[in-house]
C-alpha cells in the first residue's frame, strides 16, 4: 500500500531506506546495491506514532534500548505483514539479528535537505554450512518474534550465504522518504 499525497506525484515508501548493502565472499564484493526503498508496516506505523505522541504507554510501543535488523525470505512484502509473516529467517550458522542501539546506534544528519537518522554499519556473518536464500531485510523492536515488524525492504537479488560470507549494510530513517 503506497499513498500519494496531495500536490505530490512521488509515492512515499516509508520510514527506512537501505543506503547500501554489500555481500562479500572471499574478500571480494559479489553483490552491491544502494538506495533500497521499504514498506512501513501497518503496525510499524502505529508503533512510531505511539512512541512519538503517547510516550509509548503500551509494552509494544515503548522506545526500545535497541532496534534489530534481520533477514528473511518472504517472496513479497505486504503492508499488513507482522513478525509472524516472516518466512525462513535463518537460524544458526553464524546468523543473528543485528542490533542498533536506540541511543548510540544512529547519528542525526541532513541529507538531500532532510533530517535523517543514519544507522551504524551492521554485519551479518555466515559460518558452518551458511544460510539463505534471503530476499528481504527488516527492522523490528525486539530480538525475538514478540516485537513489532516496523519496516521491510526487498533486496534486488536473493542472498545465499556460504560459510565466511559477510553482508554489510547501512540504513537510514527519515520522515520524508529517506533521500
Protein backbone atom coordinates (compact mmCIF):
# COMPACT_ATOMS: atom_id res chain seq x y z
CA UNK A 1 0.00 0.00 0.00
CA UNK A 2 1.51 3.30 -1.03
CA UNK A 3 -0.07 6.69 -0.72
CA UNK A 4 0.15 9.70 -2.96
CA UNK A 5 -0.11 12.92 -1.02
CA UNK A 6 -1.99 15.89 -2.47
CA UNK A 7 0.27 18.02 -4.60
CA UNK A 8 2.97 15.35 -4.76
CA UNK A 9 3.49 12.97 -7.65
CA UNK A 10 6.09 10.85 -5.87
CA UNK A 11 4.97 7.86 -3.83
CA UNK A 12 6.17 7.79 -0.24
CA UNK A 13 7.66 4.39 0.65
CA UNK A 14 8.10 4.64 4.36
CA UNK A 15 10.40 5.26 7.21
CA UNK A 16 13.55 3.26 6.38
CA UNK A 17 15.86 3.19 3.38
CA UNK A 18 18.79 0.84 2.92
CA UNK A 19 21.56 3.25 1.97
CA UNK A 20 23.95 0.50 0.93
CA UNK A 21 24.33 -3.25 1.17
CA UNK A 22 27.40 -5.31 0.24
CA UNK A 23 27.75 -9.10 0.07
CA UNK A 24 31.38 -10.18 0.42
CA UNK A 25 32.77 -13.65 -0.34
CA UNK A 26 36.46 -14.48 -0.19
CA UNK A 27 37.32 -10.80 0.24
CA UNK A 28 35.54 -9.85 -3.00
CA UNK A 29 32.28 -7.98 -3.44
CA UNK A 30 29.78 -10.23 -5.21
CA UNK A 31 26.72 -8.02 -4.71
CA UNK A 32 26.36 -4.32 -4.05
CA UNK A 33 23.25 -2.19 -4.06
CA UNK A 34 22.16 1.22 -2.80
CA UNK A 35 19.04 3.21 -2.09
CA UNK A 36 16.56 0.37 -1.44
CA UNK A 37 13.08 1.66 -0.59
CA UNK A 38 10.97 -0.03 2.06
CA UNK A 39 7.45 -0.68 3.21
CA UNK A 40 6.39 0.84 6.52
CA UNK A 41 4.17 -1.86 8.01
CA UNK A 42 0.74 -1.04 9.43
CA UNK A 43 1.72 -1.98 12.99
CA UNK A 44 5.10 -0.26 12.49
CA UNK A 45 3.30 2.98 11.73
CA UNK A 46 1.24 2.60 14.93
CA UNK A 47 4.46 1.83 16.87
CA UNK A 48 6.15 5.02 15.63
CA UNK A 49 3.16 7.28 16.21
CA UNK A 50 2.58 5.85 19.69
CA UNK A 51 6.24 6.35 20.63
CA UNK A 52 6.17 9.94 19.38
CA UNK A 53 2.78 11.10 20.61
CA UNK A 54 1.65 8.97 23.54
CA UNK A 55 5.01 8.29 25.11
CA UNK A 56 4.94 4.59 24.34
CA UNK A 57 2.41 3.70 27.03
CA UNK A 58 1.80 0.09 25.97
CA UNK A 59 4.52 -2.61 26.07
CA UNK A 60 4.76 -2.86 22.28
CA UNK A 61 5.18 0.90 21.75
CA UNK A 62 7.89 1.75 24.29
CA UNK A 63 11.05 3.05 22.64
CA UNK A 64 13.40 0.07 22.98
CA UNK A 65 17.03 0.14 24.11
CA UNK A 66 17.89 -1.40 20.72
CA UNK A 67 16.35 -1.99 17.33
CA UNK A 68 17.11 -5.16 15.39
CA UNK A 69 17.76 -5.78 11.69
CA UNK A 70 17.08 -9.23 10.32
CA UNK A 71 16.83 -11.15 7.06
CA UNK A 72 14.06 -13.37 5.75
CA UNK A 73 12.70 -14.99 2.58
CA UNK A 74 9.15 -13.64 2.13
CA UNK A 75 8.51 -13.68 -1.64
CA UNK A 76 6.66 -10.36 -1.37
CA UNK A 77 6.34 -7.70 1.31
CA UNK A 78 2.89 -6.53 2.36
CA UNK A 79 1.93 -3.50 4.45
CA UNK A 80 -0.02 -5.82 6.79
CA UNK A 81 2.94 -8.16 7.46
CA UNK A 82 3.74 -8.86 11.13
CA UNK A 83 6.53 -10.75 12.85
CA UNK A 84 4.52 -13.93 12.22
CA UNK A 85 4.71 -13.20 8.46
CA UNK A 86 8.50 -13.64 8.41
CA UNK A 87 9.46 -16.62 6.29
CA UNK A 88 12.62 -18.68 6.65
CA UNK A 89 14.62 -16.25 8.75
CA UNK A 90 17.99 -18.03 9.04
CA UNK A 91 18.71 -19.99 12.21
CA UNK A 92 22.27 -20.74 13.35
CA UNK A 93 25.33 -20.99 11.14
CA UNK A 94 26.51 -17.56 12.32
CA UNK A 95 23.24 -15.74 11.62
CA UNK A 96 21.86 -13.42 14.29
CA UNK A 97 19.66 -10.35 14.12
CA UNK A 98 21.92 -7.33 14.35
CA UNK A 99 21.16 -4.68 16.92
CA UNK A 100 21.35 -0.93 16.66
CA UNK A 101 21.24 0.95 19.96
CA UNK A 102 18.39 3.45 20.02
CA UNK A 103 20.68 5.92 21.82
CA UNK A 104 24.13 5.32 20.24
CA UNK A 105 23.45 3.33 17.05
CA UNK A 106 22.37 6.32 14.97
CA UNK A 107 23.63 9.76 14.07
CA UNK A 108 21.29 12.55 13.02
CA UNK A 109 22.37 14.42 9.91
CA UNK A 110 20.91 16.27 6.96
CA UNK A 111 20.98 14.54 3.59
CA UNK A 112 19.30 15.98 0.50
CA UNK A 113 17.71 18.71 2.61
CA UNK A 114 16.07 16.24 5.03
CA UNK A 115 16.90 15.30 8.59
CA UNK A 116 17.57 11.60 8.92
CA UNK A 117 18.83 9.09 11.46
CA UNK A 118 21.68 7.12 9.87
CA UNK A 119 22.46 3.77 11.44
CA UNK A 120 25.90 2.32 12.06
CA UNK A 121 27.09 -0.30 9.59
CA UNK A 122 25.88 -3.74 10.66
CA UNK A 123 27.29 -7.09 9.53
CA UNK A 124 25.60 -10.45 9.10
CA UNK A 125 28.14 -13.30 9.02
CA UNK A 126 27.70 -16.87 7.84
CA UNK A 127 29.52 -19.92 9.21
CA UNK A 128 29.11 -23.70 9.07
CA UNK A 129 27.04 -24.51 6.00
CA UNK A 130 25.84 -20.91 5.59
CA UNK A 131 22.21 -19.87 5.22
CA UNK A 132 19.64 -18.50 2.84
CA UNK A 133 18.39 -17.65 0.41
CA UNK A 134 17.03 -14.43 1.90
CA UNK A 135 15.09 -11.81 -0.05
CA UNK A 136 14.46 -9.04 2.48
CA UNK A 137 15.90 -7.04 5.32
CA UNK A 138 13.58 -5.99 8.14
CA UNK A 139 13.53 -3.70 11.17
CA UNK A 140 11.92 -4.71 14.48
CA UNK A 141 12.00 -3.56 18.08
CA UNK A 142 12.83 -6.92 19.67
CA UNK A 143 15.37 -9.70 19.18
CA UNK A 144 12.64 -12.35 19.15
CA UNK A 145 9.27 -12.67 17.41
CA UNK A 146 7.28 -10.89 20.14
CA UNK A 147 8.06 -7.43 18.79
CA UNK A 148 6.64 -5.19 16.09
CA UNK A 149 7.67 -5.54 12.46
CA UNK A 150 8.32 -1.87 11.71
CA UNK A 151 9.60 -1.85 8.12
CA UNK A 152 10.97 -4.20 5.47
CA UNK A 153 12.96 -3.66 2.27
CA UNK A 154 13.31 -6.18 -0.55
CA UNK A 155 16.80 -6.98 -1.82
CA UNK A 156 17.27 -6.71 -5.58
CA UNK A 157 18.82 -10.20 -5.63
CA UNK A 158 18.42 -13.13 -3.20
CA UNK A 159 21.41 -13.84 -0.96
CA UNK A 160 22.57 -17.43 -0.37
CA UNK A 161 25.39 -17.02 2.14
CA UNK A 162 28.24 -19.55 2.31
CA UNK A 163 30.49 -20.02 5.34
CA UNK A 164 32.75 -16.97 5.63
CA UNK A 165 30.42 -14.63 3.70
CA UNK A 166 29.59 -11.26 5.17
CA UNK A 167 26.67 -8.98 4.41
CA UNK A 168 27.31 -5.38 5.45
CA UNK A 169 24.57 -2.80 5.36
CA UNK A 170 23.73 0.70 6.50
CA UNK A 171 20.24 2.13 6.76
CA UNK A 172 18.68 5.50 7.40
CA UNK A 173 15.32 6.57 8.73
CA UNK A 174 13.53 9.76 7.86
CA UNK A 175 10.04 11.16 7.96
CA UNK A 176 10.37 12.28 4.34
CA UNK A 177 11.09 9.10 2.39
CA UNK A 178 14.82 8.95 3.14
CA UNK A 179 16.79 10.75 0.43
